């Protein structure tokens, strides 16, 4: 038993420079034995933290700085969200978008613009990267045949690369297009507000990646 919860602040978008803005949940996800949580809503923040505190395992609990001001309904009383159970943010049917952390809201904005063009997207918020709800992702891709993974981390050895590899290995025959990754570039995070905004993945980039997958047969 090792019942410890470590709360970690991460993420770009607040002009805190490279040393205070990295999204490094992928590094700790790679460590066997650690559980890693990434809440994206107030309800999940409570539910996942409660689950972490009630468990006997070490949990790395990542909280994005830019989400601290997010408001939403939170269940009263004992509210627990099981680890390894993804949240289906919305259902579409044309493309599967898997987004991590703050990128979930970016994916929703992209899906809104795509919906106006008649394109429907499944958006999956894994909520935890270790354990990862692989089945939820694979089930969606088996229906849509297309995958876009959105990750604030740089692309090398990222969660985006991990999910794309899982789908390519286990759902290859269902794919109608190559998996696409929308990530930050493989560079340090700029301090400049304008450069940091350009460094972050954007809803427009996500929408473009979705449209690109639809150009395949």
Protein backbone atom coordinates (compact mmCIF):
# COMPACT_ATOMS: atom_id res chain seq x y z
CA UNK A 1 0.00 0.00 0.00
CA UNK A 2 1.19 3.49 -0.85
CA UNK A 3 -1.76 5.86 -0.30
CA UNK A 4 -0.28 9.17 -1.41
CA UNK A 5 -1.72 11.86 -3.67
CA UNK A 6 0.59 14.42 -5.29
CA UNK A 7 -1.17 17.47 -6.74
CA UNK A 8 0.70 19.01 -9.67
CA UNK A 9 0.03 22.25 -11.51
CA UNK A 10 0.77 22.18 -15.23
CA UNK A 11 -0.03 23.77 -18.56
CA UNK A 12 0.62 26.71 -20.83
CA UNK A 13 -1.56 29.73 -21.53
CA UNK A 14 -0.72 31.83 -18.46
CA UNK A 15 2.62 33.29 -19.62
CA UNK A 16 4.59 31.46 -16.95
CA UNK A 17 7.51 30.59 -19.27
CA UNK A 18 8.90 27.15 -20.09
CA UNK A 19 9.92 26.12 -16.58
CA UNK A 20 6.38 26.61 -15.20
CA UNK A 21 4.18 25.64 -18.15
CA UNK A 22 5.08 22.13 -19.26
CA UNK A 23 2.43 19.43 -19.65
CA UNK A 24 4.47 16.50 -18.35
CA UNK A 25 1.76 13.99 -17.44
CA UNK A 26 3.13 11.72 -20.16
CA UNK A 27 6.40 11.35 -18.22
CA UNK A 28 4.70 10.06 -15.09
CA UNK A 29 2.23 7.97 -17.08
CA UNK A 30 5.26 5.99 -18.27
CA UNK A 31 6.13 4.96 -14.68
CA UNK A 32 4.54 1.59 -13.82
CA UNK A 33 2.57 1.65 -10.57
CA UNK A 34 1.60 5.30 -10.66
CA UNK A 35 -1.94 6.43 -11.36
CA UNK A 36 -2.30 9.69 -13.28
CA UNK A 37 -5.44 11.86 -13.32
CA UNK A 38 -6.30 14.91 -15.46
CA UNK A 39 -9.63 16.46 -14.43
CA UNK A 40 -11.20 18.88 -16.91
CA UNK A 41 -14.46 19.78 -15.16
CA UNK A 42 -15.27 20.85 -11.57
CA UNK A 43 -17.31 17.67 -11.07
CA UNK A 44 -14.45 15.47 -12.26
CA UNK A 45 -11.98 17.42 -10.13
CA UNK A 46 -13.98 16.46 -7.05
CA UNK A 47 -14.77 12.94 -8.19
CA UNK A 48 -11.25 12.02 -9.25
CA UNK A 49 -9.63 13.62 -6.19
CA UNK A 50 -12.02 11.78 -3.88
CA UNK A 51 -11.25 8.52 -5.67
CA UNK A 52 -7.53 9.21 -5.33
CA UNK A 53 -7.81 9.94 -1.61
CA UNK A 54 -9.85 6.80 -0.95
CA UNK A 55 -7.42 4.49 -2.75
CA UNK A 56 -4.25 2.70 -1.67
CA UNK A 57 -2.12 3.63 -4.69
CA UNK A 58 0.15 6.61 -5.44
CA UNK A 59 -1.72 9.12 -7.62
CA UNK A 60 -0.27 12.00 -9.64
CA UNK A 61 -3.11 14.52 -9.82
CA UNK A 62 -2.55 17.08 -12.59
CA UNK A 63 -4.43 20.40 -12.45
CA UNK A 64 -4.20 22.81 -15.39
CA UNK A 65 -3.63 26.41 -14.31
CA UNK A 66 -5.98 27.76 -16.98
CA UNK A 67 -8.86 25.61 -15.67
CA UNK A 68 -8.83 26.91 -12.09
CA UNK A 69 -11.47 29.51 -12.95
CA UNK A 70 -13.79 27.06 -14.72
CA UNK A 71 -17.28 26.85 -13.22
CA UNK A 72 -19.79 24.01 -13.28
CA UNK A 73 -22.14 21.92 -11.23
CA UNK A 74 -20.55 19.68 -8.62
CA UNK A 75 -22.44 16.79 -6.99
CA UNK A 76 -22.94 17.12 -3.26
CA UNK A 77 -21.77 14.52 -0.78
CA UNK A 78 -19.51 11.60 -1.60
CA UNK A 79 -18.76 11.80 -5.33
CA UNK A 80 -16.24 9.41 -6.84
CA UNK A 81 -15.15 8.97 -10.45
CA UNK A 82 -13.51 5.57 -11.06
CA UNK A 83 -10.07 5.68 -12.63
CA UNK A 84 -9.84 4.23 -16.12
CA UNK A 85 -13.34 5.30 -17.19
CA UNK A 86 -13.33 7.92 -19.96
CA UNK A 87 -16.03 10.57 -20.33
CA UNK A 88 -17.87 10.80 -23.64
CA UNK A 89 -18.11 14.57 -23.95
CA UNK A 90 -20.29 14.43 -27.07
CA UNK A 91 -21.25 11.93 -29.74
CA UNK A 92 -21.00 12.55 -33.46
CA UNK A 93 -20.12 9.55 -35.57
CA UNK A 94 -17.82 10.91 -38.29
CA UNK A 95 -14.52 11.31 -36.43
CA UNK A 96 -13.21 10.35 -32.98
CA UNK A 97 -11.39 13.12 -31.12
CA UNK A 98 -9.44 12.11 -28.01
CA UNK A 99 -8.37 15.18 -26.06
CA UNK A 100 -6.40 15.54 -22.83
CA UNK A 101 -6.76 18.18 -20.12
CA UNK A 102 -7.50 21.70 -21.27
CA UNK A 103 -7.54 20.49 -24.86
CA UNK A 104 -11.00 18.99 -24.25
CA UNK A 105 -12.58 22.46 -24.34
CA UNK A 106 -10.55 23.30 -27.46
CA UNK A 107 -11.89 20.14 -29.09
CA UNK A 108 -15.44 21.18 -28.20
CA UNK A 109 -14.94 24.53 -29.90
CA UNK A 110 -13.63 22.78 -33.00
CA UNK A 111 -16.58 20.38 -32.96
CA UNK A 112 -18.99 23.31 -32.79
CA UNK A 113 -17.54 24.80 -35.98
CA UNK A 114 -17.52 21.40 -37.70
CA UNK A 115 -21.13 20.74 -36.72
CA UNK A 116 -22.13 23.78 -38.78
CA UNK A 117 -20.67 21.92 -41.77
CA UNK A 118 -22.61 18.77 -40.97
CA UNK A 119 -19.62 16.94 -39.45
CA UNK A 120 -20.24 15.09 -36.18
CA UNK A 121 -17.44 14.26 -33.74
CA UNK A 122 -17.16 11.85 -30.86
CA UNK A 123 -15.13 13.68 -28.21
CA UNK A 124 -13.52 11.49 -25.55
CA UNK A 125 -11.97 12.85 -22.36
CA UNK A 126 -9.89 9.98 -20.91
CA UNK A 127 -9.81 11.68 -17.45
CA UNK A 128 -6.96 9.38 -16.43
CA UNK A 129 -3.93 8.44 -18.48
CA UNK A 130 -2.94 5.61 -16.14
CA UNK A 131 -5.07 3.59 -16.25
CA UNK A 132 -6.21 4.57 -19.75
CA UNK A 133 -9.67 3.61 -20.98
CA UNK A 134 -8.48 2.03 -24.21
CA UNK A 135 -11.79 0.27 -24.85
CA UNK A 136 -13.77 3.52 -24.99
CA UNK A 137 -11.36 4.88 -27.58
CA UNK A 138 -11.31 1.69 -29.65
CA UNK A 139 -15.10 1.33 -29.55
CA UNK A 140 -15.50 4.85 -30.92
CA UNK A 141 -12.88 4.40 -33.66
CA UNK A 142 -14.52 1.16 -34.76
CA UNK A 143 -17.62 3.24 -35.53
CA UNK A 144 -16.05 6.40 -36.97
CA UNK A 145 -12.98 4.90 -38.65
CA UNK A 146 -11.07 8.13 -38.01
CA UNK A 147 -8.97 9.41 -35.10
CA UNK A 148 -7.63 12.81 -34.09
CA UNK A 149 -5.70 13.01 -30.81
CA UNK A 150 -5.22 16.42 -29.18
CA UNK A 151 -2.44 16.79 -26.62
CA UNK A 152 -0.79 19.89 -25.15
CA UNK A 153 2.51 18.01 -24.79
CA UNK A 154 5.09 18.03 -27.61
CA UNK A 155 4.63 15.09 -29.99
CA UNK A 156 7.62 12.89 -29.13
CA UNK A 157 6.76 10.19 -26.54
CA UNK A 158 3.43 11.94 -25.85
CA UNK A 159 -0.02 10.66 -24.93
CA UNK A 160 -1.03 11.55 -28.48
CA UNK A 161 1.63 9.20 -29.85
CA UNK A 162 0.59 6.51 -27.36
CA UNK A 163 -3.11 6.64 -28.29
CA UNK A 164 -2.34 6.76 -32.02
CA UNK A 165 -0.15 3.67 -31.64
CA UNK A 166 -2.81 1.78 -29.66
CA UNK A 167 -5.43 2.49 -32.33
CA UNK A 168 -3.06 1.67 -35.20
CA UNK A 169 -2.23 -1.66 -33.56
CA UNK A 170 -5.64 -2.73 -32.28
CA UNK A 171 -8.12 -1.08 -34.66
CA UNK A 172 -6.15 -0.92 -37.91
CA UNK A 173 -8.82 -2.66 -39.97
CA UNK A 174 -11.42 -0.13 -38.81
CA UNK A 175 -9.39 2.91 -39.88
CA UNK A 176 -10.45 4.79 -43.01
CA UNK A 177 -7.65 7.36 -42.64
CA UNK A 178 -4.31 7.59 -40.84
CA UNK A 179 -4.57 8.78 -37.21
CA UNK A 180 -3.77 12.46 -36.82
CA UNK A 181 -2.05 14.11 -33.85
CA UNK A 182 -2.59 17.77 -32.93
CA UNK A 183 0.10 18.72 -30.43
CA UNK A 184 2.36 21.53 -29.40
CA UNK A 185 5.61 21.73 -31.42
CA UNK A 186 8.75 20.02 -30.14
CA UNK A 187 10.14 23.26 -28.71
CA UNK A 188 10.33 24.92 -25.28
CA UNK A 189 7.25 26.96 -24.34
CA UNK A 190 7.74 30.65 -25.20
CA UNK A 191 7.25 33.34 -22.55
CA UNK A 192 5.86 35.89 -25.01
CA UNK A 193 2.06 35.97 -24.98
CA UNK A 194 1.81 35.99 -28.77
CA UNK A 195 4.36 33.20 -29.23
CA UNK A 196 2.80 31.08 -26.50
CA UNK A 197 -0.59 31.43 -28.19
CA UNK A 198 0.97 30.28 -31.46
CA UNK A 199 2.72 27.39 -29.65
CA UNK A 200 -0.50 25.96 -28.19
CA UNK A 201 -2.74 23.70 -30.29
CA UNK A 202 -5.82 25.63 -31.38
CA UNK A 203 -9.45 24.78 -32.21
CA UNK A 204 -8.70 25.76 -35.82
CA UNK A 205 -5.86 23.22 -35.98
CA UNK A 206 -8.12 20.54 -34.54
CA UNK A 207 -10.87 21.32 -37.06
CA UNK A 208 -8.32 21.22 -39.89
CA UNK A 209 -7.04 17.81 -38.74
CA UNK A 210 -10.60 16.46 -38.63
CA UNK A 211 -11.30 17.77 -42.12
CA UNK A 212 -8.06 16.22 -43.36
CA UNK A 213 -9.08 12.75 -42.13
CA UNK A 214 -12.40 13.11 -43.96
CA UNK A 215 -10.62 13.66 -47.29
CA UNK A 216 -9.62 10.00 -47.25
CA UNK A 217 -12.13 7.54 -48.68
